[in-house]
PDB file of all heavy atoms in Angstrom:
ATOM      1  N   GLY A   1       3.153   4.313  -7.596  1.00  0.00           N
ATOM      2  CA  GLY A   1       3.826   5.275  -8.455  1.00  0.00           C
ATOM      3  C   GLY A   1       4.493   6.398  -7.691  1.00  0.00           C
ATOM      4  O   GLY A   1       5.654   6.744  -7.927  1.00  0.00           O
ATOM      5  N   LEU A   2       3.752   6.953  -6.734  1.00  0.00           N
ATOM      6  CA  LEU A   2       4.352   8.037  -5.901  1.00  0.00           C
ATOM      7  C   LEU A   2       5.505   7.522  -5.051  1.00  0.00           C
ATOM      8  O   LEU A   2       6.536   8.194  -4.900  1.00  0.00           O
ATOM      9  CB  LEU A   2       3.277   8.666  -5.000  1.00  0.00           C
ATOM     10  CG  LEU A   2       2.195   9.473  -5.747  1.00  0.00           C
ATOM     11  CD1 LEU A   2       1.117   9.899  -4.745  1.00  0.00           C
ATOM     12  CD2 LEU A   2       2.804  10.667  -6.452  1.00  0.00           C
ATOM     13  N   GLY A   3       5.327   6.325  -4.483  1.00  0.00           N
ATOM     14  CA  GLY A   3       6.410   5.748  -3.688  1.00  0.00           C
ATOM     15  C   GLY A   3       7.659   5.444  -4.523  1.00  0.00           C
ATOM     16  O   GLY A   3       8.769   5.695  -4.077  1.00  0.00           O
ATOM     17  N   CYS A   4       7.472   4.965  -5.715  1.00  0.00           N
ATOM     18  CA  CYS A   4       8.605   4.687  -6.599  1.00  0.00           C
ATOM     19  C   CYS A   4       9.345   5.972  -6.946  1.00  0.00           C
ATOM     20  O   CYS A   4      10.572   6.039  -6.933  1.00  0.00           O
ATOM     21  CB  CYS A   4       8.096   3.995  -7.885  1.00  0.00           C
ATOM     22  SG  CYS A   4       9.399   3.539  -9.005  1.00  0.00           S
ATOM     23  N   ALA A   5       8.578   7.018  -7.274  1.00  0.00           N
ATOM     24  CA  ALA A   5       9.189   8.298  -7.578  1.00  0.00           C
ATOM     25  C   ALA A   5       9.928   8.870  -6.368  1.00  0.00           C
ATOM     26  O   ALA A   5      11.061   9.374  -6.491  1.00  0.00           O
ATOM     27  CB  ALA A   5       8.115   9.288  -8.059  1.00  0.00           C
ATOM     28  N   ALA A   6       9.325   8.778  -5.204  1.00  0.00           N
ATOM     29  CA  ALA A   6       9.943   9.341  -4.009  1.00  0.00           C
ATOM     30  C   ALA A   6      11.235   8.579  -3.682  1.00  0.00           C
ATOM     31  O   ALA A   6      12.259   9.204  -3.353  1.00  0.00           O
ATOM     32  CB  ALA A   6       8.978   9.244  -2.833  1.00  0.00           C
ATOM     33  N   LEU A   7      11.202   7.240  -3.763  1.00  0.00           N
ATOM     34  CA  LEU A   7      12.409   6.453  -3.467  1.00  0.00           C
ATOM     35  C   LEU A   7      13.502   6.737  -4.481  1.00  0.00           C
ATOM     36  O   LEU A   7      14.698   6.750  -4.146  1.00  0.00           O
ATOM     37  CB  LEU A   7      12.067   4.988  -3.417  1.00  0.00           C
ATOM     38  CG  LEU A   7      11.222   4.511  -2.220  1.00  0.00           C
ATOM     39  CD1 LEU A   7      10.870   3.035  -2.353  1.00  0.00           C
ATOM     40  CD2 LEU A   7      11.914   4.788  -0.920  1.00  0.00           C
ATOM     41  N   THR A   8      13.101   6.980  -5.724  1.00  0.00           N
ATOM     42  CA  THR A   8      14.107   7.266  -6.746  1.00  0.00           C
ATOM     43  C   THR A   8      14.774   8.586  -6.516  1.00  0.00           C
ATOM     44  O   THR A   8      16.009   8.692  -6.581  1.00  0.00           O
ATOM     45  CB  THR A   8      13.468   7.223  -8.131  1.00  0.00           C
ATOM     46  OG1 THR A   8      12.897   5.930  -8.362  1.00  0.00           O
ATOM     47  CG2 THR A   8      14.465   7.533  -9.220  1.00  0.00           C
ATOM     48  N   PHE A   9      13.964   9.613  -6.245  1.00  0.00           N
ATOM     49  CA  PHE A   9      14.560  10.944  -6.053  1.00  0.00           C
ATOM     50  C   PHE A   9      15.322  11.080  -4.739  1.00  0.00           C
ATOM     51  O   PHE A   9      16.287  11.833  -4.649  1.00  0.00           O
ATOM     52  CB  PHE A   9      13.455  12.036  -6.145  1.00  0.00           C
ATOM     53  CG  PHE A   9      12.927  12.188  -7.512  1.00  0.00           C
ATOM     54  CD1 PHE A   9      11.560  12.089  -7.780  1.00  0.00           C
ATOM     55  CD2 PHE A   9      13.765  12.486  -8.579  1.00  0.00           C
ATOM     56  CE1 PHE A   9      11.076  12.259  -9.071  1.00  0.00           C
ATOM     57  CE2 PHE A   9      13.300  12.646  -9.862  1.00  0.00           C
ATOM     58  CZ  PHE A   9      11.932  12.540 -10.082  1.00  0.00           C
ATOM     59  N   LEU A  10      14.893  10.353  -3.740  1.00  0.00           N
ATOM     60  CA  LEU A  10      15.593  10.404  -2.467  1.00  0.00           C
ATOM     61  C   LEU A  10      16.862   9.525  -2.425  1.00  0.00           C
ATOM     62  O   LEU A  10      17.692   9.660  -1.553  1.00  0.00           O
ATOM     63  CB  LEU A  10      14.670   9.996  -1.312  1.00  0.00           C
ATOM     64  CG  LEU A  10      13.521  10.966  -1.025  1.00  0.00           C
ATOM     65  CD1 LEU A  10      12.583  10.352   0.019  1.00  0.00           C
ATOM     66  CD2 LEU A  10      14.005  12.302  -0.593  1.00  0.00           C
ATOM     67  N   GLY A  11      16.946   8.615  -3.397  1.00  0.00           N
ATOM     68  CA  GLY A  11      18.089   7.743  -3.454  1.00  0.00           C
ATOM     69  C   GLY A  11      18.079   6.646  -2.388  1.00  0.00           C
ATOM     70  O   GLY A  11      19.116   6.077  -2.048  1.00  0.00           O
ATOM     71  N   THR A  12      16.910   6.356  -1.855  1.00  0.00           N
ATOM     72  CA  THR A  12      16.792   5.356  -0.840  1.00  0.00           C
ATOM     73  C   THR A  12      16.717   3.971  -1.479  1.00  0.00           C
ATOM     74  O   THR A  12      16.117   3.802  -2.527  1.00  0.00           O
ATOM     75  CB  THR A  12      15.491   5.586  -0.003  1.00  0.00           C
ATOM     76  OG1 THR A  12      15.428   6.946   0.363  1.00  0.00           O
ATOM     77  CG2 THR A  12      15.491   4.741   1.243  1.00  0.00           C
ATOM     78  N   GLU A  13      17.304   2.986  -0.821  1.00  0.00           N
ATOM     79  CA  GLU A  13      17.262   1.612  -1.322  1.00  0.00           C
ATOM     80  C   GLU A  13      16.638   0.705  -0.291  1.00  0.00           C
ATOM     81  O   GLU A  13      16.729   0.949   0.899  1.00  0.00           O
ATOM     82  CB  GLU A  13      18.674   1.151  -1.682  1.00  0.00           C
ATOM     83  CG  GLU A  13      19.304   1.872  -2.826  1.00  0.00           C
ATOM     84  CD  GLU A  13      20.639   1.276  -3.211  1.00  0.00           C
ATOM     85  OE1 GLU A  13      20.975   0.181  -2.744  1.00  0.00           O
ATOM     86  OE2 GLU A  13      21.357   1.974  -3.948  1.00  0.00           O
ATOM     87  N   GLY A  14      16.040  -0.333  -0.781  1.00  0.00           N
ATOM     88  CA  GLY A  14      15.469  -1.352   0.108  1.00  0.00           C
ATOM     89  C   GLY A  14      15.455  -2.696  -0.596  1.00  0.00           C
ATOM     90  O   GLY A  14      15.541  -2.739  -1.840  1.00  0.00           O
ATOM     91  N   THR A  15      15.320  -3.738   0.157  1.00  0.00           N
ATOM     92  CA  THR A  15      15.284  -5.053  -0.469  1.00  0.00           C
ATOM     93  C   THR A  15      13.929  -5.230  -1.171  1.00  0.00           C
ATOM     94  O   THR A  15      12.922  -4.683  -0.739  1.00  0.00           O
ATOM     95  CB  THR A  15      15.492  -6.169   0.565  1.00  0.00           C
ATOM     96  OG1 THR A  15      14.409  -6.128   1.493  1.00  0.00           O
ATOM     97  CG2 THR A  15      16.799  -6.008   1.299  1.00  0.00           C
ATOM     98  N   ALA A  16      13.930  -6.034  -2.223  1.00  0.00           N
ATOM     99  CA  ALA A  16      12.716  -6.261  -2.980  1.00  0.00           C
ATOM    100  C   ALA A  16      11.652  -6.923  -2.125  1.00  0.00           C
ATOM    101  O   ALA A  16      10.477  -6.561  -2.197  1.00  0.00           O
ATOM    102  CB  ALA A  16      13.028  -7.107  -4.211  1.00  0.00           C
ATOM    103  N   GLY A  17      12.079  -7.842  -1.280  1.00  0.00           N
ATOM    104  CA  GLY A  17      11.094  -8.518  -0.415  1.00  0.00           C
ATOM    105  C   GLY A  17      10.412  -7.579   0.550  1.00  0.00           C
ATOM    106  O   GLY A  17       9.178  -7.664   0.770  1.00  0.00           O
ATOM    107  N   LEU A  18      11.174  -6.664   1.091  1.00  0.00           N
ATOM    108  CA  LEU A  18      10.599  -5.694   2.056  1.00  0.00           C
ATOM    109  C   LEU A  18       9.641  -4.719   1.353  1.00  0.00           C
ATOM    110  O   LEU A  18       8.546  -4.459   1.842  1.00  0.00           O
ATOM    111  CB  LEU A  18      11.710  -4.935   2.768  1.00  0.00           C
ATOM    112  CG  LEU A  18      11.298  -3.971   3.861  1.00  0.00           C
ATOM    113  CD1 LEU A  18      10.580  -4.714   4.976  1.00  0.00           C
ATOM    114  CD2 LEU A  18      12.513  -3.223   4.401  1.00  0.00           C
ATOM    115  N   VAL A  19      10.047  -4.257   0.184  1.00  0.00           N
ATOM    116  CA  VAL A  19       9.216  -3.310  -0.571  1.00  0.00           C
ATOM    117  C   VAL A  19       7.920  -3.985  -1.038  1.00  0.00           C
ATOM    118  O   VAL A  19       6.825  -3.445  -0.848  1.00  0.00           O
ATOM    119  CB  VAL A  19       9.997  -2.709  -1.753  1.00  0.00           C
ATOM    120  CG1 VAL A  19       9.076  -1.894  -2.630  1.00  0.00           C
ATOM    121  CG2 VAL A  19      11.153  -1.873  -1.258  1.00  0.00           C
ATOM    122  N   LEU A  20       8.040  -5.183  -1.595  1.00  0.00           N
ATOM    123  CA  LEU A  20       6.850  -5.883  -2.078  1.00  0.00           C
ATOM    124  C   LEU A  20       5.958  -6.286  -0.916  1.00  0.00           C
ATOM    125  O   LEU A  20       4.717  -6.260  -1.033  1.00  0.00           O
ATOM    126  CB  LEU A  20       7.243  -7.069  -2.907  1.00  0.00           C
ATOM    127  CG  LEU A  20       7.845  -6.765  -4.289  1.00  0.00           C
ATOM    128  CD1 LEU A  20       8.326  -8.040  -4.965  1.00  0.00           C
ATOM    129  CD2 LEU A  20       6.843  -6.028  -5.142  1.00  0.00           C
ATOM    130  N   GLY A  21       6.536  -6.662   0.191  1.00  0.00           N
ATOM    131  CA  GLY A  21       5.760  -6.969   1.367  1.00  0.00           C
ATOM    132  C   GLY A  21       4.966  -5.779   1.856  1.00  0.00           C
ATOM    133  O   GLY A  21       3.811  -5.889   2.271  1.00  0.00           O
ATOM    134  N   GLY A  22       5.575  -4.583   1.799  1.00  0.00           N
ATOM    135  CA  GLY A  22       4.871  -3.388   2.179  1.00  0.00           C
ATOM    136  C   GLY A  22       3.714  -3.066   1.225  1.00  0.00           C
ATOM    137  O   GLY A  22       2.633  -2.653   1.662  1.00  0.00           O
ATOM    138  N   VAL A  23       3.928  -3.301  -0.067  1.00  0.00           N
ATOM    139  CA  VAL A  23       2.895  -3.070  -1.037  1.00  0.00           C
ATOM    140  C   VAL A  23       1.717  -4.025  -0.809  1.00  0.00           C
ATOM    141  O   VAL A  23       0.548  -3.627  -0.842  1.00  0.00           O
ATOM    142  CB  VAL A  23       3.434  -3.177  -2.477  1.00  0.00           C
ATOM    143  CG1 VAL A  23       2.317  -3.172  -3.502  1.00  0.00           C
ATOM    144  CG2 VAL A  23       4.380  -2.066  -2.780  1.00  0.00           C
ATOM    145  N   VAL A  24       2.018  -5.268  -0.583  1.00  0.00           N
ATOM    146  CA  VAL A  24       0.977  -6.274  -0.327  1.00  0.00           C
ATOM    147  C   VAL A  24       0.233  -5.954   0.954  1.00  0.00           C
ATOM    148  O   VAL A  24      -1.018  -6.059   1.000  1.00  0.00           O
ATOM    149  CB  VAL A  24       1.553  -7.686  -0.311  1.00  0.00           C
ATOM    150  CG1 VAL A  24       0.565  -8.712   0.183  1.00  0.00           C
ATOM    151  CG2 VAL A  24       2.043  -8.079  -1.711  1.00  0.00           C
ATOM    152  N   ALA A  25       0.966  -5.609   2.011  1.00  0.00           N
ATOM    153  CA  ALA A  25       0.294  -5.253   3.259  1.00  0.00           C
ATOM    154  C   ALA A  25      -0.629  -4.065   3.083  1.00  0.00           C
ATOM    155  O   ALA A  25      -1.753  -4.016   3.608  1.00  0.00           O
ATOM    156  CB  ALA A  25       1.337  -4.995   4.334  1.00  0.00           C
ATOM    157  N   PHE A  26      -0.151  -3.033   2.353  1.00  0.00           N
ATOM    158  CA  PHE A  26      -0.980  -1.858   2.073  1.00  0.00           C
ATOM    159  C   PHE A  26      -2.204  -2.262   1.301  1.00  0.00           C
ATOM    160  O   PHE A  26      -3.302  -1.785   1.580  1.00  0.00           O
ATOM    161  CB  PHE A  26      -0.167  -0.811   1.303  1.00  0.00           C
ATOM    162  CG  PHE A  26      -1.011   0.310   0.806  1.00  0.00           C
ATOM    163  CD1 PHE A  26      -1.453   1.307   1.649  1.00  0.00           C
ATOM    164  CD2 PHE A  26      -1.395   0.366  -0.525  1.00  0.00           C
ATOM    165  CE1 PHE A  26      -2.240   2.336   1.198  1.00  0.00           C
ATOM    166  CE2 PHE A  26      -2.177   1.393  -0.988  1.00  0.00           C
ATOM    167  CZ  PHE A  26      -2.617   2.392  -0.133  1.00  0.00           C
ATOM    168  N   ALA A  27      -2.059  -3.110   0.289  1.00  0.00           N
ATOM    169  CA  ALA A  27      -3.172  -3.546  -0.533  1.00  0.00           C
ATOM    170  C   ALA A  27      -4.248  -4.273   0.301  1.00  0.00           C
ATOM    171  O   ALA A  27      -5.456  -4.026   0.163  1.00  0.00           O
ATOM    172  CB  ALA A  27      -2.695  -4.430  -1.696  1.00  0.00           C
ATOM    173  N   MET A  28      -3.797  -5.169   1.185  1.00  0.00           N
ATOM    174  CA  MET A  28      -4.742  -5.914   2.001  1.00  0.00           C
ATOM    175  C   MET A  28      -5.468  -5.004   2.981  1.00  0.00           C
ATOM    176  O   MET A  28      -6.691  -5.111   3.160  1.00  0.00           O
ATOM    177  CB  MET A  28      -4.028  -7.043   2.728  1.00  0.00           C
ATOM    178  CG  MET A  28      -3.574  -8.170   1.832  1.00  0.00           C
ATOM    179  SD  MET A  28      -3.004  -9.643   2.673  1.00  0.00           S
ATOM    180  CE  MET A  28      -1.526  -9.062   3.425  1.00  0.00           C
ATOM    181  N   LEU A  29      -4.723  -4.118   3.596  1.00  0.00           N
ATOM    182  CA  LEU A  29      -5.320  -3.189   4.543  1.00  0.00           C
ATOM    183  C   LEU A  29      -6.298  -2.252   3.822  1.00  0.00           C
ATOM    184  O   LEU A  29      -7.427  -2.016   4.285  1.00  0.00           O
ATOM    185  CB  LEU A  29      -4.235  -2.379   5.250  1.00  0.00           C
ATOM    186  CG  LEU A  29      -4.734  -1.363   6.290  1.00  0.00           C
ATOM    187  CD1 LEU A  29      -5.408  -2.125   7.459  1.00  0.00           C
ATOM    188  CD2 LEU A  29      -3.575  -0.565   6.809  1.00  0.00           C
ATOM    189  N   ASP A  30      -5.908  -1.733   2.669  1.00  0.00           N
ATOM    190  CA  ASP A  30      -6.770  -0.841   1.889  1.00  0.00           C
ATOM    191  C   ASP A  30      -8.047  -1.540   1.476  1.00  0.00           C
ATOM    192  O   ASP A  30      -9.151  -1.005   1.618  1.00  0.00           O
ATOM    193  CB  ASP A  30      -5.983  -0.333   0.686  1.00  0.00           C
ATOM    194  CG  ASP A  30      -6.742   0.739  -0.081  1.00  0.00           C
ATOM    195  OD1 ASP A  30      -7.651   1.374   0.478  1.00  0.00           O
ATOM    196  OD2 ASP A  30      -6.390   0.978  -1.273  1.00  0.00           O
ATOM    197  N   PHE A  31      -7.927  -2.777   0.966  1.00  0.00           N
ATOM    198  CA  PHE A  31      -9.112  -3.514   0.553  1.00  0.00           C
ATOM    199  C   PHE A  31     -10.030  -3.794   1.741  1.00  0.00           C
ATOM    200  O   PHE A  31     -11.256  -3.616   1.618  1.00  0.00           O
ATOM    201  CB  PHE A  31      -8.735  -4.851  -0.105  1.00  0.00           C
ATOM    202  CG  PHE A  31      -9.919  -5.687  -0.426  1.00  0.00           C
ATOM    203  CD1 PHE A  31     -10.677  -5.471  -1.557  1.00  0.00           C
ATOM    204  CD2 PHE A  31     -10.266  -6.720   0.438  1.00  0.00           C
ATOM    205  CE1 PHE A  31     -11.786  -6.244  -1.808  1.00  0.00           C
ATOM    206  CE2 PHE A  31     -11.383  -7.507   0.165  1.00  0.00           C
ATOM    207  CZ  PHE A  31     -12.128  -7.274  -0.967  1.00  0.00           C
ATOM    208  N   GLY A  32      -9.475  -4.204   2.841  1.00  0.00           N
ATOM    209  CA  GLY A  32     -10.289  -4.490   4.033  1.00  0.00           C
ATOM    210  C   GLY A  32     -11.050  -3.263   4.526  1.00  0.00           C
ATOM    211  O   GLY A  32     -12.231  -3.352   4.845  1.00  0.00           O
ATOM    212  N   VAL A  33     -10.382  -2.138   4.580  1.00  0.00           N
ATOM    213  CA  VAL A  33     -11.016  -0.912   5.030  1.00  0.00           C
ATOM    214  C   VAL A  33     -12.121  -0.508   4.058  1.00  0.00           C
ATOM    215  O   VAL A  33     -13.257  -0.146   4.470  1.00  0.00           O
ATOM    216  CB  VAL A  33      -9.981   0.223   5.208  1.00  0.00           C
ATOM    217  CG1 VAL A  33     -10.642   1.575   5.391  1.00  0.00           C
ATOM    218  CG2 VAL A  33      -9.079  -0.086   6.382  1.00  0.00           C
ATOM    219  N   ARG A  34     -11.840  -0.555   2.760  1.00  0.00           N
ATOM    220  CA  ARG A  34     -12.836  -0.223   1.748  1.00  0.00           C
ATOM    221  C   ARG A  34     -14.058  -1.147   1.784  1.00  0.00           C
ATOM    222  O   ARG A  34     -15.187  -0.716   1.662  1.00  0.00           O
ATOM    223  CB  ARG A  34     -12.242  -0.205   0.371  1.00  0.00           C
ATOM    224  CG  ARG A  34     -11.376   0.981   0.099  1.00  0.00           C
ATOM    225  CD  ARG A  34     -10.796   0.918  -1.315  1.00  0.00           C
ATOM    226  NE  ARG A  34     -10.170   2.146  -1.664  1.00  0.00           N
ATOM    227  CZ  ARG A  34     -10.815   3.200  -2.183  1.00  0.00           C
ATOM    228  NH1 ARG A  34     -12.091   3.145  -2.431  1.00  0.00           N
ATOM    229  NH2 ARG A  34     -10.153   4.294  -2.471  1.00  0.00           N
ATOM    230  N   TYR A  35     -13.806  -2.448   1.994  1.00  0.00           N
ATOM    231  CA  TYR A  35     -14.926  -3.422   2.072  1.00  0.00           C
ATOM    232  C   TYR A  35     -15.817  -3.096   3.284  1.00  0.00           C
ATOM    233  O   TYR A  35     -17.045  -3.088   3.168  1.00  0.00           O
ATOM    234  CB  TYR A  35     -14.397  -4.820   2.127  1.00  0.00           C
ATOM    235  CG  TYR A  35     -15.474  -5.867   2.095  1.00  0.00           C
ATOM    236  CD1 TYR A  35     -15.970  -6.326   0.882  1.00  0.00           C
ATOM    237  CD2 TYR A  35     -16.006  -6.408   3.250  1.00  0.00           C
ATOM    238  CE1 TYR A  35     -16.987  -7.279   0.823  1.00  0.00           C
ATOM    239  CE2 TYR A  35     -17.006  -7.351   3.228  1.00  0.00           C
ATOM    240  CZ  TYR A  35     -17.495  -7.783   2.010  1.00  0.00           C
ATOM    241  OH  TYR A  35     -18.476  -8.734   1.970  1.00  0.00           O
ATOM    242  N   LEU A  36     -15.167  -2.912   4.440  1.00  0.00           N
ATOM    243  CA  LEU A  36     -15.944  -2.576   5.647  1.00  0.00           C
ATOM    244  C   LEU A  36     -16.713  -1.272   5.476  1.00  0.00           C
ATOM    245  O   LEU A  36     -17.832  -1.111   5.978  1.00  0.00           O
ATOM    246  CB  LEU A  36     -15.027  -2.565   6.861  1.00  0.00           C
ATOM    247  CG  LEU A  36     -14.491  -3.909   7.284  1.00  0.00           C
ATOM    248  CD1 LEU A  36     -13.478  -3.738   8.410  1.00  0.00           C
ATOM    249  CD2 LEU A  36     -15.586  -4.858   7.674  1.00  0.00           C
ATOM    250  N   TRP A  37     -16.090  -0.304   4.805  1.00  0.00           N
ATOM    251  CA  TRP A  37     -16.777   0.961   4.573  1.00  0.00           C
ATOM    252  C   TRP A  37     -17.988   0.795   3.676  1.00  0.00           C
ATOM    253  O   TRP A  37     -19.058   1.362   3.932  1.00  0.00           O
ATOM    254  CB  TRP A  37     -15.802   1.977   3.950  1.00  0.00           C
ATOM    255  CG  TRP A  37     -16.437   3.323   3.722  1.00  0.00           C
ATOM    256  CD1 TRP A  37     -16.897   3.826   2.554  1.00  0.00           C
ATOM    257  CD2 TRP A  37     -16.747   4.296   4.714  1.00  0.00           C
ATOM    258  NE1 TRP A  37     -17.433   5.072   2.728  1.00  0.00           N
ATOM    259  CE2 TRP A  37     -17.337   5.385   4.053  1.00  0.00           C
ATOM    260  CE3 TRP A  37     -16.535   4.382   6.084  1.00  0.00           C
ATOM    261  CZ2 TRP A  37     -17.770   6.508   4.726  1.00  0.00           C
ATOM    262  CZ3 TRP A  37     -16.967   5.503   6.747  1.00  0.00           C
ATOM    263  CH2 TRP A  37     -17.567   6.559   6.086  1.00  0.00           C
ATOM    264  N   GLN A  38     -17.862  -0.031   2.631  1.00  0.00           N
ATOM    265  CA  GLN A  38     -19.009  -0.320   1.765  1.00  0.00           C
ATOM    266  C   GLN A  38     -20.109  -1.001   2.553  1.00  0.00           C
ATOM    267  O   GLN A  38     -21.291  -0.707   2.374  1.00  0.00           O
ATOM    268  CB  GLN A  38     -18.573  -1.228   0.612  1.00  0.00           C
ATOM    269  CG  GLN A  38     -17.698  -0.603  -0.422  1.00  0.00           C
ATOM    270  CD  GLN A  38     -18.415   0.485  -1.192  1.00  0.00           C
ATOM    271  OE1 GLN A  38     -19.594   0.379  -1.467  1.00  0.00           O
ATOM    272  NE2 GLN A  38     -17.660   1.510  -1.563  1.00  0.00           N
ATOM    273  N   LYS A  39     -19.746  -1.938   3.408  1.00  0.00           N
ATOM    274  CA  LYS A  39     -20.733  -2.646   4.219  1.00  0.00           C
ATOM    275  C   LYS A  39     -21.440  -1.717   5.162  1.00  0.00           C
ATOM    276  O   LYS A  39     -22.664  -1.771   5.371  1.00  0.00           O
ATOM    277  CB  LYS A  39     -20.008  -3.753   5.008  1.00  0.00           C
ATOM    278  CG  LYS A  39     -20.906  -4.633   5.803  1.00  0.00           C
ATOM    279  CD  LYS A  39     -20.082  -5.735   6.465  1.00  0.00           C
ATOM    280  CE  LYS A  39     -20.949  -6.593   7.326  1.00  0.00           C
ATOM    281  NZ  LYS A  39     -20.168  -7.653   7.948  1.00  0.00           N
ATOM    282  N   LYS A  40     -20.664  -0.774   5.777  1.00  0.00           N
ATOM    283  CA  LYS A  40     -21.272   0.139   6.754  1.00  0.00           C
ATOM    284  C   LYS A  40     -22.190   1.141   6.098  1.00  0.00           C
ATOM    285  O   LYS A  40     -23.262   1.420   6.620  1.00  0.00           O
ATOM    286  CB  LYS A  40     -20.144   0.870   7.518  1.00  0.00           C
ATOM    287  CG  LYS A  40     -20.664   1.797   8.543  1.00  0.00           C
ATOM    288  CD  LYS A  40     -19.558   2.536   9.287  1.00  0.00           C
ATOM    289  CE  LYS A  40     -20.148   3.483  10.289  1.00  0.00           C
ATOM    290  NZ  LYS A  40     -19.140   4.271  10.929  1.00  0.00           N
ATOM    291  N   THR A  41     -21.794   1.662   4.952  1.00  0.00           N
ATOM    292  CA  THR A  41     -22.616   2.670   4.291  1.00  0.00           C
ATOM    293  C   THR A  41     -23.840   2.089   3.654  1.00  0.00           C
ATOM    294  O   THR A  41     -24.822   2.806   3.414  1.00  0.00           O
ATOM    295  CB  THR A  41     -21.804   3.447   3.226  1.00  0.00           C
ATOM    296  OG1 THR A  41     -21.285   2.528   2.272  1.00  0.00           O
ATOM    297  CG2 THR A  41     -20.702   4.251   3.864  1.00  0.00           C
ATOM    298  N   ALA A  42     -23.829   0.778   3.346  1.00  0.00           N
ATOM    299  CA  ALA A  42     -25.004   0.160   2.739  1.00  0.00           C
ATOM    300  C   ALA A  42     -26.074  -0.132   3.782  1.00  0.00           C
ATOM    301  O   ALA A  42     -27.248  -0.267   3.448  1.00  0.00           O
ATOM    302  CB  ALA A  42     -24.610  -1.139   2.065  1.00  0.00           C
ATOM    303  N   ALA A  43     -25.696  -0.247   5.017  1.00  0.00           N
ATOM    304  CA  ALA A  43     -26.645  -0.617   6.089  1.00  0.00           C
ATOM    305  C   ALA A  43     -27.483   0.584   6.536  1.00  0.00           C
ATOM    306  O   ALA A  43     -27.333   1.678   6.311  1.00  0.00           O
ATOM    307  CB  ALA A  43     -25.915  -1.183   7.280  1.00  0.00           C
TER     308      ALA A  43
END
């Protein structure tokens, strides 16, 4: 949501593949870090 708002107000454009690839990469990285954090704090 914040990225969409920022890109809209800044008038920046990008290809759909690049934007969606960035979102997917962020999601995978975020999930991996959160999972490892849960594992570390449980031990």
